[in-house]
Amino acid sequence: MYQNQNQTLTFRKSSYSATRNDCVEVADFAGGSAVRDTKDREAGHLEFPAAEWSAFVEGLKSGGM
């Protein structure tokens, strides 16, 4: 797991979420991506190495999940 304590993360909400608040937000950083719950931003975030995040996104796109 990466430690991005010295880097400010800029989170974005999926365009599929529109105005809903029950989704996740993603922030990219050098070497990976971070994910957090829109409803509980103060709880923190999870970080994933770039290869793992890319495999997850590709799995979603291909309908494998």
Protein backbone atom coordinates (compact mmCIF):
# COMPACT_ATOMS: atom_id res chain seq x y z
CA MET A 1 0.00 0.00 0.00
CA TYR A 2 1.26 3.43 -0.91
CA GLN A 3 1.57 6.23 1.59
CA ASN A 4 0.61 9.55 -0.04
CA GLN A 5 0.90 11.72 3.03
CA ASN A 6 2.94 14.35 1.18
CA GLN A 7 0.67 14.50 -1.84
CA THR A 8 -2.70 16.21 -2.12
CA LEU A 9 -5.20 13.93 -3.80
CA THR A 10 -7.83 15.41 -6.10
CA PHE A 11 -10.87 13.14 -6.08
CA ARG A 12 -13.45 13.00 -8.87
CA LYS A 13 -16.87 11.40 -9.01
CA SER A 14 -17.89 9.15 -11.88
CA SER A 15 -19.90 10.80 -14.64
CA TYR A 16 -22.29 7.84 -14.29
CA SER A 17 -23.17 9.04 -10.79
CA ALA A 18 -24.77 12.30 -11.99
CA THR A 19 -26.09 14.02 -8.85
CA ARG A 20 -26.28 10.91 -6.69
CA ASN A 21 -24.25 10.80 -3.50
CA ASP A 22 -24.08 7.04 -3.06
CA CYS A 23 -20.97 6.32 -5.07
CA VAL A 24 -17.20 6.28 -4.84
CA GLU A 25 -14.68 8.89 -5.86
CA VAL A 26 -11.30 8.21 -7.45
CA ALA A 27 -8.03 10.16 -7.38
CA ASP A 28 -4.99 9.30 -9.48
CA PHE A 29 -1.47 9.75 -8.17
CA ALA A 30 1.99 8.77 -9.32
CA GLY A 31 2.00 4.98 -9.20
CA GLY A 32 -1.66 4.29 -8.51
CA SER A 33 -5.18 5.40 -7.65
CA ALA A 34 -7.10 6.08 -4.46
CA VAL A 35 -10.80 5.38 -3.83
CA ARG A 36 -13.12 6.76 -1.16
CA ASP A 37 -16.82 6.62 -0.27
CA THR A 38 -18.68 9.80 -1.25
CA LYS A 39 -21.00 9.47 1.77
CA ASP A 40 -18.12 9.18 4.26
CA ARG A 41 -15.15 11.14 2.93
CA GLU A 42 -13.75 11.64 6.42
CA ALA A 43 -13.24 7.86 6.80
CA GLY A 44 -10.24 8.04 4.49
CA HIS A 45 -9.44 6.22 1.29
CA LEU A 46 -7.96 3.00 -0.09
CA GLU A 47 -4.94 3.11 -2.38
CA PHE A 48 -4.14 0.65 -5.16
CA PRO A 49 -0.99 0.26 -7.28
CA ALA A 50 -1.51 1.26 -10.93
CA ALA A 51 -1.38 -2.31 -12.27
CA GLU A 52 -4.06 -3.52 -9.84
CA TRP A 53 -6.35 -0.55 -10.53
CA SER A 54 -5.97 -0.96 -14.30
CA ALA A 55 -6.84 -4.66 -14.06
CA PHE A 56 -9.92 -3.82 -11.99
CA VAL A 57 -11.13 -1.17 -14.45
CA GLU A 58 -10.51 -3.46 -17.44
CA GLY A 59 -12.47 -6.20 -15.68
CA LEU A 60 -15.41 -3.84 -15.26
CA LYS A 61 -15.25 -2.74 -18.89
CA SER A 62 -15.18 -6.31 -20.18
CA GLY A 63 -18.13 -7.33 -18.01
CA GLY A 64 -16.01 -9.74 -15.99
CA MET A 65 -17.29 -8.43 -12.65
